[in-house]
C-alpha atoms as a PDB file:
ATOM      1  CA  MET A   1      23.739-109.865 107.496  1.00  0.00           C
ATOM      2  CA  GLU A   2      25.020-106.695 105.914  1.00  0.00           C
ATOM      3  CA  VAL A   3      28.616-105.780 105.036  1.00  0.00           C
ATOM      4  CA  VAL A   4      29.434-102.070 105.176  1.00  0.00           C
ATOM      5  CA  SER A   5      30.427-100.798 101.759  1.00  0.00           C
ATOM      6  CA  PRO A   6      32.841 -97.882 101.293  1.00  0.00           C
ATOM      7  CA  THR A   7      30.342 -96.238  98.934  1.00  0.00           C
ATOM      8  CA  SER A   8      27.326 -96.515 101.256  1.00  0.00           C
ATOM      9  CA  GLN A   9      28.702 -96.276 104.803  1.00  0.00           C
ATOM     10  CA  LEU A  10      26.075 -93.850 106.134  1.00  0.00           C
ATOM     11  CA  LEU A  11      23.247 -95.890 104.646  1.00  0.00           C
ATOM     12  CA  ASP A  12      24.679 -99.151 105.999  1.00  0.00           C
ATOM     13  CA  ARG A  13      25.418 -97.811 109.497  1.00  0.00           C
ATOM     14  CA  ALA A  14      22.452 -95.515 110.155  1.00  0.00           C
ATOM     15  CA  THR A  15      19.580 -95.825 107.698  1.00  0.00           C
ATOM     16  CA  LYS A  16      19.377 -99.586 107.207  1.00  0.00           C
ATOM     17  CA  PRO A  17      19.137-100.499 110.916  1.00  0.00           C
ATOM     18  CA  LEU A  18      16.218 -98.071 111.279  1.00  0.00           C
ATOM     19  CA  ALA A  19      14.488 -99.485 108.197  1.00  0.00           C
ATOM     20  CA  TYR A  20      15.060-103.108 109.257  1.00  0.00           C
ATOM     21  CA  ALA A  21      13.701-102.406 112.751  1.00  0.00           C
ATOM     22  CA  ALA A  22      10.631-100.701 111.262  1.00  0.00           C
ATOM     23  CA  ALA A  23      10.100-103.807 109.110  1.00  0.00           C
ATOM     24  CA  GLY A  24      10.205-105.999 112.231  1.00  0.00           C
ATOM     25  CA  ILE A  25      13.358-107.933 111.365  1.00  0.00           C
ATOM     26  CA  PRO A  26      14.207-109.543 114.723  1.00  0.00           C
ATOM     27  CA  LEU A  27      17.959-109.960 114.285  1.00  0.00           C
ATOM     28  CA  TYR A  28      20.428-108.016 112.176  1.00  0.00           C
ATOM     29  CA  TRP A  29      24.185-108.481 111.814  1.00  0.00           C
ATOM     30  CA  ARG A  30      26.371-105.712 110.385  1.00  0.00           C
ATOM     31  CA  VAL A  31      29.973-106.437 109.457  1.00  0.00           C
ATOM     32  CA  ASP A  32      32.269-103.441 109.302  1.00  0.00           C
ATOM     33  CA  PRO A  33      35.401-104.373 107.324  1.00  0.00           C
ATOM     34  CA  ASP A  34      37.437-101.976 109.487  1.00  0.00           C
ATOM     35  CA  GLY A  35      38.745-104.497 111.977  1.00  0.00           C
ATOM     36  CA  PRO A  36      36.596-106.333 110.944  1.00  0.00           C
ATOM     37  CA  THR A  37      33.955-105.857 113.599  1.00  0.00           C
ATOM     38  CA  LEU A  38      30.588-107.596 113.882  1.00  0.00           C
ATOM     39  CA  TYR A  39      27.622-105.667 115.312  1.00  0.00           C
ATOM     40  CA  VAL A  40      24.647-107.762 116.412  1.00  0.00           C
ATOM     41  CA  TYR A  41      21.316-105.950 116.685  1.00  0.00           C
ATOM     42  CA  GLU A  42      18.282-107.523 118.411  1.00  0.00           C
ATOM     43  CA  LEU A  43      14.819-106.075 118.026  1.00  0.00           C
ATOM     44  CA  ASP A  44      13.276-104.715 121.228  1.00  0.00           C
ATOM     45  CA  GLY A  45       9.748-103.587 120.432  1.00  0.00           C
ATOM     46  CA  ASP A  46       9.915-101.168 117.505  1.00  0.00           C
ATOM     47  CA  SER A  47      13.669-100.546 117.573  1.00  0.00           C
ATOM     48  CA  TYR A  48      16.954-102.348 118.040  1.00  0.00           C
ATOM     49  CA  LYS A  49      18.767-102.484 121.354  1.00  0.00           C
ATOM     50  CA  GLU A  50      22.280-101.048 121.384  1.00  0.00           C
ATOM     51  CA  PRO A  51      24.270-103.500 119.226  1.00  0.00           C
ATOM     52  CA  ILE A  52      26.610-105.997 120.813  1.00  0.00           C
ATOM     53  CA  THR A  53      30.078-105.458 119.339  1.00  0.00           C
ATOM     54  CA  HIS A  54      32.445-108.324 118.515  1.00  0.00           C
ATOM     55  CA  LYS A  55      35.973-107.449 117.424  1.00  0.00           C
ATOM     56  CA  THR A  56      38.554-109.434 115.499  1.00  0.00           C
ATOM     57  CA  GLY A  57      40.568-111.785 117.677  1.00  0.00           C
ATOM     58  CA  THR A  58      37.613-112.804 119.830  1.00  0.00           C
ATOM     59  CA  THR A  59      35.359-115.783 119.409  1.00  0.00           C
ATOM     60  CA  VAL A  60      31.740-114.865 118.822  1.00  0.00           C
ATOM     61  CA  THR A  61      29.245-117.478 120.008  1.00  0.00           C
ATOM     62  CA  LEU A  62      25.662-116.888 118.917  1.00  0.00           C
ATOM     63  CA  SER A  63      22.583-119.038 119.325  1.00  0.00           C
ATOM     64  CA  SER A  64      20.137-117.144 117.126  1.00  0.00           C
ATOM     65  CA  PRO A  65      19.109-117.568 114.376  1.00  0.00           C
ATOM     66  CA  TYR A  66      21.292-120.697 114.702  1.00  0.00           C
ATOM     67  CA  ALA A  67      24.198-121.843 116.856  1.00  0.00           C
ATOM     68  CA  VAL A  68      27.534-120.665 115.481  1.00  0.00           C
ATOM     69  CA  SER A  69      30.995-119.647 116.744  1.00  0.00           C
ATOM     70  CA  PHE A  70      33.618-117.733 114.777  1.00  0.00           C
ATOM     71  CA  ASP A  71      36.135-114.895 114.797  1.00  0.00           C
ATOM     72  CA  PRO A  72      34.777-111.815 112.949  1.00  0.00           C
ATOM     73  CA  ALA A  73      37.905-111.952 110.766  1.00  0.00           C
ATOM     74  CA  ASP A  74      36.431-115.139 109.265  1.00  0.00           C
ATOM     75  CA  LEU A  75      33.573-113.111 107.733  1.00  0.00           C
ATOM     76  CA  ILE A  76      35.640-111.256 105.191  1.00  0.00           C
ATOM     77  CA  GLY A  77      37.905-112.635 102.530  1.00  0.00           C
ATOM     78  CA  ARG A  78      41.390-113.220 103.779  1.00  0.00           C
ATOM     79  CA  PRO A  79      44.088-115.104 101.909  1.00  0.00           C
ATOM     80  CA  VAL A  80      44.533-118.618 103.203  1.00  0.00           C
ATOM     81  CA  SER A  81      48.137-119.664 103.701  1.00  0.00           C
ATOM     82  CA  ASN A  82      49.123-123.225 102.884  1.00  0.00           C
ATOM     83  CA  PRO A  83      51.535-124.786 105.369  1.00  0.00           C
END
């Protein structure tokens, strides 16, 4: 999993997916804090398929590399309110 940094956006969004695919990493998650949005990349041969996009306010259910369900907003620090 990678979180896009304001200081390395181009690297995080363009260069790293190419490098990870070339290294044979089968699954790659990129979290873009704008939203936030989760992009899930799956290796297809030597490159990643078009990423599946999951936006805040939806429940993401993934089975690989392990079963998990969450809202992408849960992946970045948000203040927790106490009732």
